[in-house]
N, C-alpha and C. Protein backbone atom coordinates (compact mmCIF):
# COMPACT_ATOMS: atom_id res chain seq x y z
N UNK A 1 119.60 77.13 104.07
CA UNK A 1 118.36 77.72 103.63
C UNK A 1 117.62 78.27 104.85
N UNK A 2 116.91 79.34 104.67
CA UNK A 2 116.17 79.97 105.77
C UNK A 2 114.83 80.47 105.26
N UNK A 3 113.91 80.66 106.18
CA UNK A 3 112.61 81.24 105.87
C UNK A 3 112.46 82.51 106.69
N UNK A 4 111.90 83.52 106.10
CA UNK A 4 111.73 84.80 106.79
C UNK A 4 110.35 85.36 106.50
N UNK A 5 109.66 85.73 107.56
CA UNK A 5 108.44 86.51 107.40
C UNK A 5 108.86 87.95 107.62
N UNK A 6 108.66 88.79 106.62
CA UNK A 6 109.10 90.18 106.71
C UNK A 6 108.27 90.95 107.72
N UNK A 7 108.83 92.06 108.18
CA UNK A 7 108.08 92.92 109.10
C UNK A 7 106.78 93.39 108.46
N UNK A 8 106.83 93.71 107.15
CA UNK A 8 105.63 94.14 106.46
C UNK A 8 104.62 92.98 106.38
N UNK A 9 105.11 91.77 106.18
CA UNK A 9 104.22 90.60 106.15
C UNK A 9 103.51 90.41 107.49
N UNK A 10 104.25 90.53 108.59
CA UNK A 10 103.66 90.42 109.93
C UNK A 10 102.62 91.52 110.13
N UNK A 11 102.97 92.72 109.73
CA UNK A 11 102.07 93.86 109.84
C UNK A 11 100.78 93.60 109.07
N UNK A 12 100.91 93.11 107.83
CA UNK A 12 99.74 92.85 106.99
C UNK A 12 98.87 91.74 107.58
N UNK A 13 99.48 90.71 108.13
CA UNK A 13 98.70 89.64 108.76
C UNK A 13 97.91 90.16 109.94
N UNK A 14 98.56 90.94 110.82
CA UNK A 14 97.87 91.52 111.97
C UNK A 14 96.73 92.43 111.52
N UNK A 15 97.00 93.27 110.54
CA UNK A 15 95.99 94.21 110.04
C UNK A 15 94.78 93.46 109.48
N UNK A 16 95.02 92.44 108.68
CA UNK A 16 93.93 91.66 108.10
C UNK A 16 93.15 90.93 109.19
N UNK A 17 93.85 90.41 110.18
CA UNK A 17 93.19 89.69 111.27
C UNK A 17 92.26 90.62 112.04
N UNK A 18 92.73 91.82 112.37
CA UNK A 18 91.90 92.77 113.11
C UNK A 18 90.67 93.19 112.31
N UNK A 19 90.84 93.36 111.01
CA UNK A 19 89.72 93.78 110.17
C UNK A 19 88.63 92.72 110.11
N UNK A 20 89.01 91.46 110.28
CA UNK A 20 88.06 90.37 110.09
C UNK A 20 87.54 89.76 111.40
N UNK A 21 88.06 90.19 112.55
CA UNK A 21 87.72 89.51 113.80
C UNK A 21 87.40 90.48 114.93
N UNK A 22 86.65 89.98 115.91
CA UNK A 22 86.26 90.71 117.11
C UNK A 22 87.15 90.21 118.26
N UNK A 23 88.26 90.91 118.51
CA UNK A 23 89.24 90.47 119.48
C UNK A 23 88.85 90.96 120.87
N UNK A 24 88.88 90.03 121.84
CA UNK A 24 88.48 90.35 123.22
C UNK A 24 89.46 89.73 124.22
N UNK A 25 89.26 90.08 125.51
CA UNK A 25 90.12 89.57 126.57
C UNK A 25 89.29 88.96 127.68
N UNK A 26 89.82 87.89 128.26
CA UNK A 26 89.22 87.25 129.43
C UNK A 26 90.30 87.03 130.48
N UNK A 27 89.87 86.59 131.66
CA UNK A 27 90.80 86.37 132.77
C UNK A 27 90.74 84.92 133.23
N UNK A 28 91.90 84.41 133.60
CA UNK A 28 92.04 83.04 134.07
C UNK A 28 92.05 83.04 135.59
N UNK A 29 91.22 82.17 136.16
CA UNK A 29 91.16 81.99 137.61
C UNK A 29 91.61 80.57 137.93
N UNK A 30 91.81 80.28 139.20
CA UNK A 30 92.20 78.94 139.62
C UNK A 30 93.70 78.78 139.59
N UNK A 31 94.22 78.18 138.53
CA UNK A 31 95.65 77.95 138.40
C UNK A 31 96.12 78.38 137.02
N UNK A 32 97.42 78.64 136.92
CA UNK A 32 97.99 78.95 135.61
C UNK A 32 98.75 77.75 135.05
N UNK A 33 98.80 76.67 135.80
CA UNK A 33 99.53 75.49 135.36
C UNK A 33 98.84 74.89 134.13
N UNK A 34 99.58 74.79 133.05
CA UNK A 34 99.06 74.20 131.82
C UNK A 34 98.41 75.15 130.85
N UNK A 35 98.27 76.43 131.20
CA UNK A 35 97.56 77.36 130.33
C UNK A 35 98.40 77.88 129.18
N UNK A 36 99.72 77.73 129.26
CA UNK A 36 100.59 78.24 128.20
C UNK A 36 100.92 77.16 127.17
N UNK A 37 100.03 76.22 127.02
CA UNK A 37 100.20 75.14 126.04
C UNK A 37 99.81 75.66 124.66
N UNK A 38 100.73 75.70 123.70
CA UNK A 38 100.41 76.23 122.37
C UNK A 38 99.43 75.37 121.58
N UNK A 39 99.09 74.18 122.10
CA UNK A 39 98.12 73.31 121.42
C UNK A 39 96.68 73.64 121.80
N UNK A 40 96.46 74.56 122.74
CA UNK A 40 95.09 74.96 123.09
C UNK A 40 94.54 75.80 121.95
N UNK A 41 93.39 75.41 121.42
CA UNK A 41 92.83 76.09 120.25
C UNK A 41 91.68 77.03 120.55
N UNK A 42 90.89 76.72 121.57
CA UNK A 42 89.69 77.51 121.84
C UNK A 42 89.64 77.91 123.31
N UNK A 43 88.72 78.83 123.63
CA UNK A 43 88.51 79.22 125.02
C UNK A 43 88.05 78.01 125.82
N UNK A 44 87.23 77.13 125.23
CA UNK A 44 86.80 75.91 125.91
C UNK A 44 87.98 75.00 126.23
N UNK A 45 88.96 74.91 125.32
CA UNK A 45 90.18 74.13 125.59
C UNK A 45 90.91 74.69 126.81
N UNK A 46 91.02 76.01 126.88
CA UNK A 46 91.67 76.66 128.02
C UNK A 46 90.90 76.36 129.30
N UNK A 47 89.60 76.48 129.26
CA UNK A 47 88.75 76.24 130.42
C UNK A 47 88.81 74.78 130.87
N UNK A 48 89.12 73.87 129.96
CA UNK A 48 89.19 72.44 130.27
C UNK A 48 90.50 72.03 130.93
N UNK A 49 91.49 72.93 130.99
CA UNK A 49 92.75 72.62 131.66
C UNK A 49 92.45 72.42 133.15
N UNK A 50 92.97 71.34 133.72
CA UNK A 50 92.69 71.00 135.12
C UNK A 50 93.00 72.16 136.04
N UNK A 51 92.04 72.53 136.88
CA UNK A 51 92.22 73.59 137.87
C UNK A 51 91.95 74.99 137.36
N UNK A 52 91.66 75.14 136.07
CA UNK A 52 91.41 76.46 135.48
C UNK A 52 89.92 76.75 135.47
N UNK A 53 89.58 77.98 135.75
CA UNK A 53 88.23 78.48 135.48
C UNK A 53 88.38 79.85 134.84
N UNK A 54 87.34 80.26 134.15
CA UNK A 54 87.37 81.51 133.40
C UNK A 54 86.42 82.51 134.05
N UNK A 55 86.89 83.72 134.28
CA UNK A 55 86.06 84.79 134.81
C UNK A 55 84.92 85.06 133.83
N UNK A 56 83.71 85.23 134.33
CA UNK A 56 82.55 85.45 133.46
C UNK A 56 82.67 86.74 132.66
N UNK A 57 83.29 87.77 133.23
CA UNK A 57 83.43 89.05 132.53
C UNK A 57 84.43 88.91 131.38
N UNK A 58 84.02 89.36 130.21
CA UNK A 58 84.89 89.40 129.03
C UNK A 58 84.93 90.85 128.55
N UNK A 59 86.11 91.30 128.15
CA UNK A 59 86.29 92.70 127.77
C UNK A 59 86.50 92.85 126.27
N UNK A 60 85.74 93.76 125.67
CA UNK A 60 85.95 94.11 124.27
C UNK A 60 87.14 95.05 124.20
N UNK A 61 88.07 94.77 123.32
CA UNK A 61 89.24 95.63 123.19
C UNK A 61 88.91 96.77 122.24
N UNK A 62 89.34 97.96 122.60
CA UNK A 62 89.06 99.16 121.81
C UNK A 62 90.37 99.85 121.48
N UNK A 63 90.32 100.72 120.49
CA UNK A 63 91.50 101.48 120.11
C UNK A 63 92.59 100.61 119.52
N UNK A 64 92.20 99.57 118.85
CA UNK A 64 93.17 98.62 118.31
C UNK A 64 93.98 99.23 117.17
N UNK A 65 95.27 99.00 117.22
CA UNK A 65 96.17 99.45 116.16
C UNK A 65 97.22 98.38 115.91
N UNK A 66 97.80 98.43 114.74
CA UNK A 66 98.90 97.55 114.38
C UNK A 66 100.05 98.43 113.94
N UNK A 67 101.24 98.05 114.33
CA UNK A 67 102.42 98.81 113.93
C UNK A 67 103.51 97.90 113.39
N UNK A 68 104.41 98.50 112.66
CA UNK A 68 105.56 97.79 112.12
C UNK A 68 106.81 98.39 112.74
N UNK A 69 107.66 97.57 113.32
CA UNK A 69 108.86 98.01 114.01
C UNK A 69 110.07 97.41 113.31
N UNK A 70 110.63 98.15 112.36
CA UNK A 70 111.77 97.65 111.60
C UNK A 70 113.06 97.60 112.43
N UNK A 71 113.17 98.43 113.45
CA UNK A 71 114.36 98.42 114.29
C UNK A 71 114.48 97.10 115.05
N UNK A 72 113.35 96.60 115.58
CA UNK A 72 113.35 95.35 116.34
C UNK A 72 112.84 94.16 115.54
N UNK A 73 112.61 94.37 114.24
CA UNK A 73 112.18 93.31 113.33
C UNK A 73 110.93 92.58 113.81
N UNK A 74 109.86 93.35 113.96
CA UNK A 74 108.61 92.76 114.40
C UNK A 74 107.44 93.65 113.96
N UNK A 75 106.27 93.11 114.11
CA UNK A 75 105.04 93.89 114.02
C UNK A 75 104.35 93.71 115.37
N UNK A 76 103.47 94.63 115.73
CA UNK A 76 102.81 94.50 117.02
C UNK A 76 101.37 94.97 116.95
N UNK A 77 100.60 94.44 117.87
CA UNK A 77 99.20 94.78 118.04
C UNK A 77 99.09 95.55 119.35
N UNK A 78 98.32 96.59 119.37
CA UNK A 78 98.13 97.38 120.58
C UNK A 78 96.65 97.72 120.70
N UNK A 79 96.21 97.99 121.90
CA UNK A 79 94.83 98.40 122.15
C UNK A 79 94.82 99.26 123.41
N UNK A 80 93.70 99.92 123.65
CA UNK A 80 93.56 100.70 124.87
C UNK A 80 93.66 99.77 126.07
N UNK A 81 94.15 100.29 127.19
CA UNK A 81 94.18 99.51 128.41
C UNK A 81 92.77 99.11 128.80
N UNK A 82 92.65 97.99 129.50
CA UNK A 82 91.33 97.49 129.91
C UNK A 82 91.29 97.35 131.41
N UNK A 83 90.09 97.28 131.96
CA UNK A 83 89.92 97.14 133.40
C UNK A 83 88.81 96.13 133.71
N UNK A 84 89.17 95.11 134.48
CA UNK A 84 88.17 94.16 134.96
C UNK A 84 87.53 94.71 136.21
N UNK A 85 86.24 94.44 136.40
CA UNK A 85 85.47 94.88 137.56
C UNK A 85 85.98 94.17 138.81
N UNK A 86 86.04 94.86 139.96
CA UNK A 86 86.48 94.22 141.19
C UNK A 86 85.60 93.03 141.59
N UNK A 87 86.25 91.98 142.09
CA UNK A 87 85.56 90.82 142.65
C UNK A 87 86.32 90.45 143.91
N UNK A 88 85.65 90.50 145.05
CA UNK A 88 86.29 90.25 146.34
C UNK A 88 86.85 88.83 146.40
N UNK A 89 87.98 88.69 147.07
CA UNK A 89 88.62 87.40 147.34
C UNK A 89 88.85 86.57 146.09
N UNK A 90 89.19 87.23 144.99
CA UNK A 90 89.45 86.54 143.72
C UNK A 90 90.83 86.93 143.22
N UNK A 91 91.55 85.95 142.72
CA UNK A 91 92.89 86.18 142.19
C UNK A 91 92.94 85.77 140.73
N UNK A 92 93.44 86.66 139.90
CA UNK A 92 93.59 86.38 138.47
C UNK A 92 94.98 85.77 138.26
N UNK A 93 95.02 84.64 137.56
CA UNK A 93 96.27 83.93 137.30
C UNK A 93 96.89 84.32 135.97
N UNK A 94 96.12 84.99 135.12
CA UNK A 94 96.60 85.41 133.81
C UNK A 94 95.43 85.91 132.99
N UNK A 95 95.71 86.37 131.79
CA UNK A 95 94.66 86.81 130.88
C UNK A 95 94.86 86.11 129.53
N UNK A 96 93.78 86.10 128.76
CA UNK A 96 93.87 85.50 127.43
C UNK A 96 93.16 86.40 126.44
N UNK A 97 93.63 86.36 125.21
CA UNK A 97 93.03 87.11 124.12
C UNK A 97 92.44 86.11 123.15
N UNK A 98 91.25 86.40 122.67
CA UNK A 98 90.54 85.45 121.82
C UNK A 98 89.68 86.18 120.80
N UNK A 99 89.22 85.42 119.81
CA UNK A 99 88.30 85.94 118.80
C UNK A 99 86.88 85.57 119.21
N UNK A 100 86.06 86.56 119.47
CA UNK A 100 84.69 86.37 119.93
C UNK A 100 83.80 85.74 118.87
N UNK A 101 84.18 85.81 117.61
CA UNK A 101 83.33 85.45 116.49
C UNK A 101 82.61 84.13 116.52
N UNK A 102 83.12 83.14 117.23
CA UNK A 102 82.50 81.82 117.20
C UNK A 102 81.17 81.72 117.89
N UNK A 103 80.91 82.55 118.88
CA UNK A 103 79.61 82.54 119.55
C UNK A 103 79.55 81.68 120.80
N UNK A 104 80.33 80.61 120.89
CA UNK A 104 80.43 79.80 122.11
C UNK A 104 81.91 79.57 122.38
N UNK A 105 82.23 79.26 123.63
CA UNK A 105 83.64 79.06 123.97
C UNK A 105 84.28 77.93 123.18
N UNK A 106 83.48 76.96 122.74
CA UNK A 106 84.01 75.85 121.95
C UNK A 106 84.42 76.29 120.55
N UNK A 107 83.90 77.42 120.09
CA UNK A 107 84.24 77.90 118.75
C UNK A 107 84.91 79.27 118.76
N UNK A 108 85.25 79.76 119.95
CA UNK A 108 86.00 81.02 120.06
C UNK A 108 87.48 80.70 120.06
N UNK A 109 88.17 81.14 119.00
CA UNK A 109 89.59 80.82 118.86
C UNK A 109 90.44 81.56 119.89
N UNK A 110 91.31 80.81 120.55
CA UNK A 110 92.26 81.36 121.51
C UNK A 110 93.45 81.89 120.73
N UNK A 111 93.82 83.13 120.98
CA UNK A 111 94.92 83.76 120.26
C UNK A 111 96.19 83.77 121.09
N UNK A 112 96.08 84.16 122.35
CA UNK A 112 97.27 84.29 123.20
C UNK A 112 96.89 84.17 124.67
N UNK A 113 97.85 83.70 125.47
CA UNK A 113 97.68 83.59 126.92
C UNK A 113 98.88 84.28 127.57
N UNK A 114 98.62 85.08 128.59
CA UNK A 114 99.67 85.81 129.29
C UNK A 114 99.60 85.53 130.78
N UNK A 115 100.71 85.06 131.34
CA UNK A 115 100.77 84.82 132.78
C UNK A 115 101.92 85.57 133.45
N UNK A 116 102.75 86.25 132.66
CA UNK A 116 103.84 87.05 133.23
C UNK A 116 103.24 88.20 134.05
N UNK A 117 103.73 88.39 135.27
CA UNK A 117 103.23 89.46 136.13
C UNK A 117 102.02 89.06 136.94
N UNK A 118 101.61 87.84 136.86
CA UNK A 118 100.48 87.31 137.62
C UNK A 118 101.01 86.29 138.61
N UNK A 119 100.26 85.98 139.67
CA UNK A 119 98.87 86.32 139.96
C UNK A 119 98.70 87.76 140.45
N UNK A 120 97.46 88.27 140.24
CA UNK A 120 97.08 89.61 140.67
C UNK A 120 95.71 89.53 141.34
N UNK A 121 95.53 90.22 142.48
CA UNK A 121 94.21 90.23 143.13
C UNK A 121 93.20 91.02 142.31
N UNK A 122 91.97 90.58 142.35
CA UNK A 122 90.89 91.27 141.63
C UNK A 122 90.03 92.09 142.59
N UNK A 123 90.39 92.10 143.87
CA UNK A 123 89.61 92.81 144.89
C UNK A 123 89.35 94.26 144.54
N UNK A 124 90.35 94.96 144.01
CA UNK A 124 90.20 96.38 143.67
C UNK A 124 90.07 96.60 142.18
N UNK A 125 89.73 95.55 141.45
CA UNK A 125 89.70 95.63 140.00
C UNK A 125 91.08 95.32 139.46
N UNK A 126 91.19 95.21 138.19
CA UNK A 126 92.48 94.88 137.58
C UNK A 126 92.61 95.63 136.27
N UNK A 127 93.63 96.46 136.17
CA UNK A 127 93.91 97.21 134.95
C UNK A 127 94.99 96.48 134.17
N UNK A 128 94.75 96.25 132.90
CA UNK A 128 95.69 95.55 132.04
C UNK A 128 96.23 96.53 131.01
N UNK A 129 97.54 96.67 130.97
CA UNK A 129 98.21 97.50 129.97
C UNK A 129 98.48 96.62 128.76
N UNK A 130 97.83 96.89 127.66
CA UNK A 130 97.90 96.03 126.49
C UNK A 130 99.02 96.41 125.53
N UNK A 131 99.73 97.48 125.81
CA UNK A 131 100.77 97.94 124.89
C UNK A 131 101.71 96.80 124.49
N UNK A 132 101.78 96.57 123.21
CA UNK A 132 102.69 95.55 122.64
C UNK A 132 102.43 94.16 123.21
N UNK A 133 101.22 93.85 123.62
CA UNK A 133 100.92 92.54 124.21
C UNK A 133 101.14 91.42 123.19
N UNK A 134 100.74 91.63 121.98
CA UNK A 134 100.93 90.60 120.95
C UNK A 134 101.98 91.11 119.97
N UNK A 135 103.05 90.37 119.82
CA UNK A 135 104.12 90.77 118.92
C UNK A 135 104.42 89.64 117.95
N UNK A 136 104.56 89.98 116.72
CA UNK A 136 105.01 89.00 115.73
C UNK A 136 106.51 89.17 115.57
N UNK A 137 107.29 88.30 116.18
CA UNK A 137 108.74 88.41 116.09
C UNK A 137 109.33 87.25 115.33
């Protein structure tokens, strides 16, 4: 026996989620150790990981779209690239995507954490290419 979420089902879930939520991005400072724990539920949970701190700047994602990719059997979320403001002598260990709707970090749901391609210096700013960042596979 097997269970399958269809590509259309993934697409519909992503589409409904975007329609109902204010999706944003933040940056992780300090360490990336422990940040990829799938049991972290909120931005406050992420911030509570030993050695982690969160950059005060949070970016609203724009140009959000959802696509269905039948060739690779997935759906994906995409948005315009984002840019964090330069901060001297600061290194970003990763980025996270969350739902702003809760109003405080304790009630802002954590959606995804990305540490591949990091650490990156923030001295000259940091541009994040969001293409296919979240994939339902």
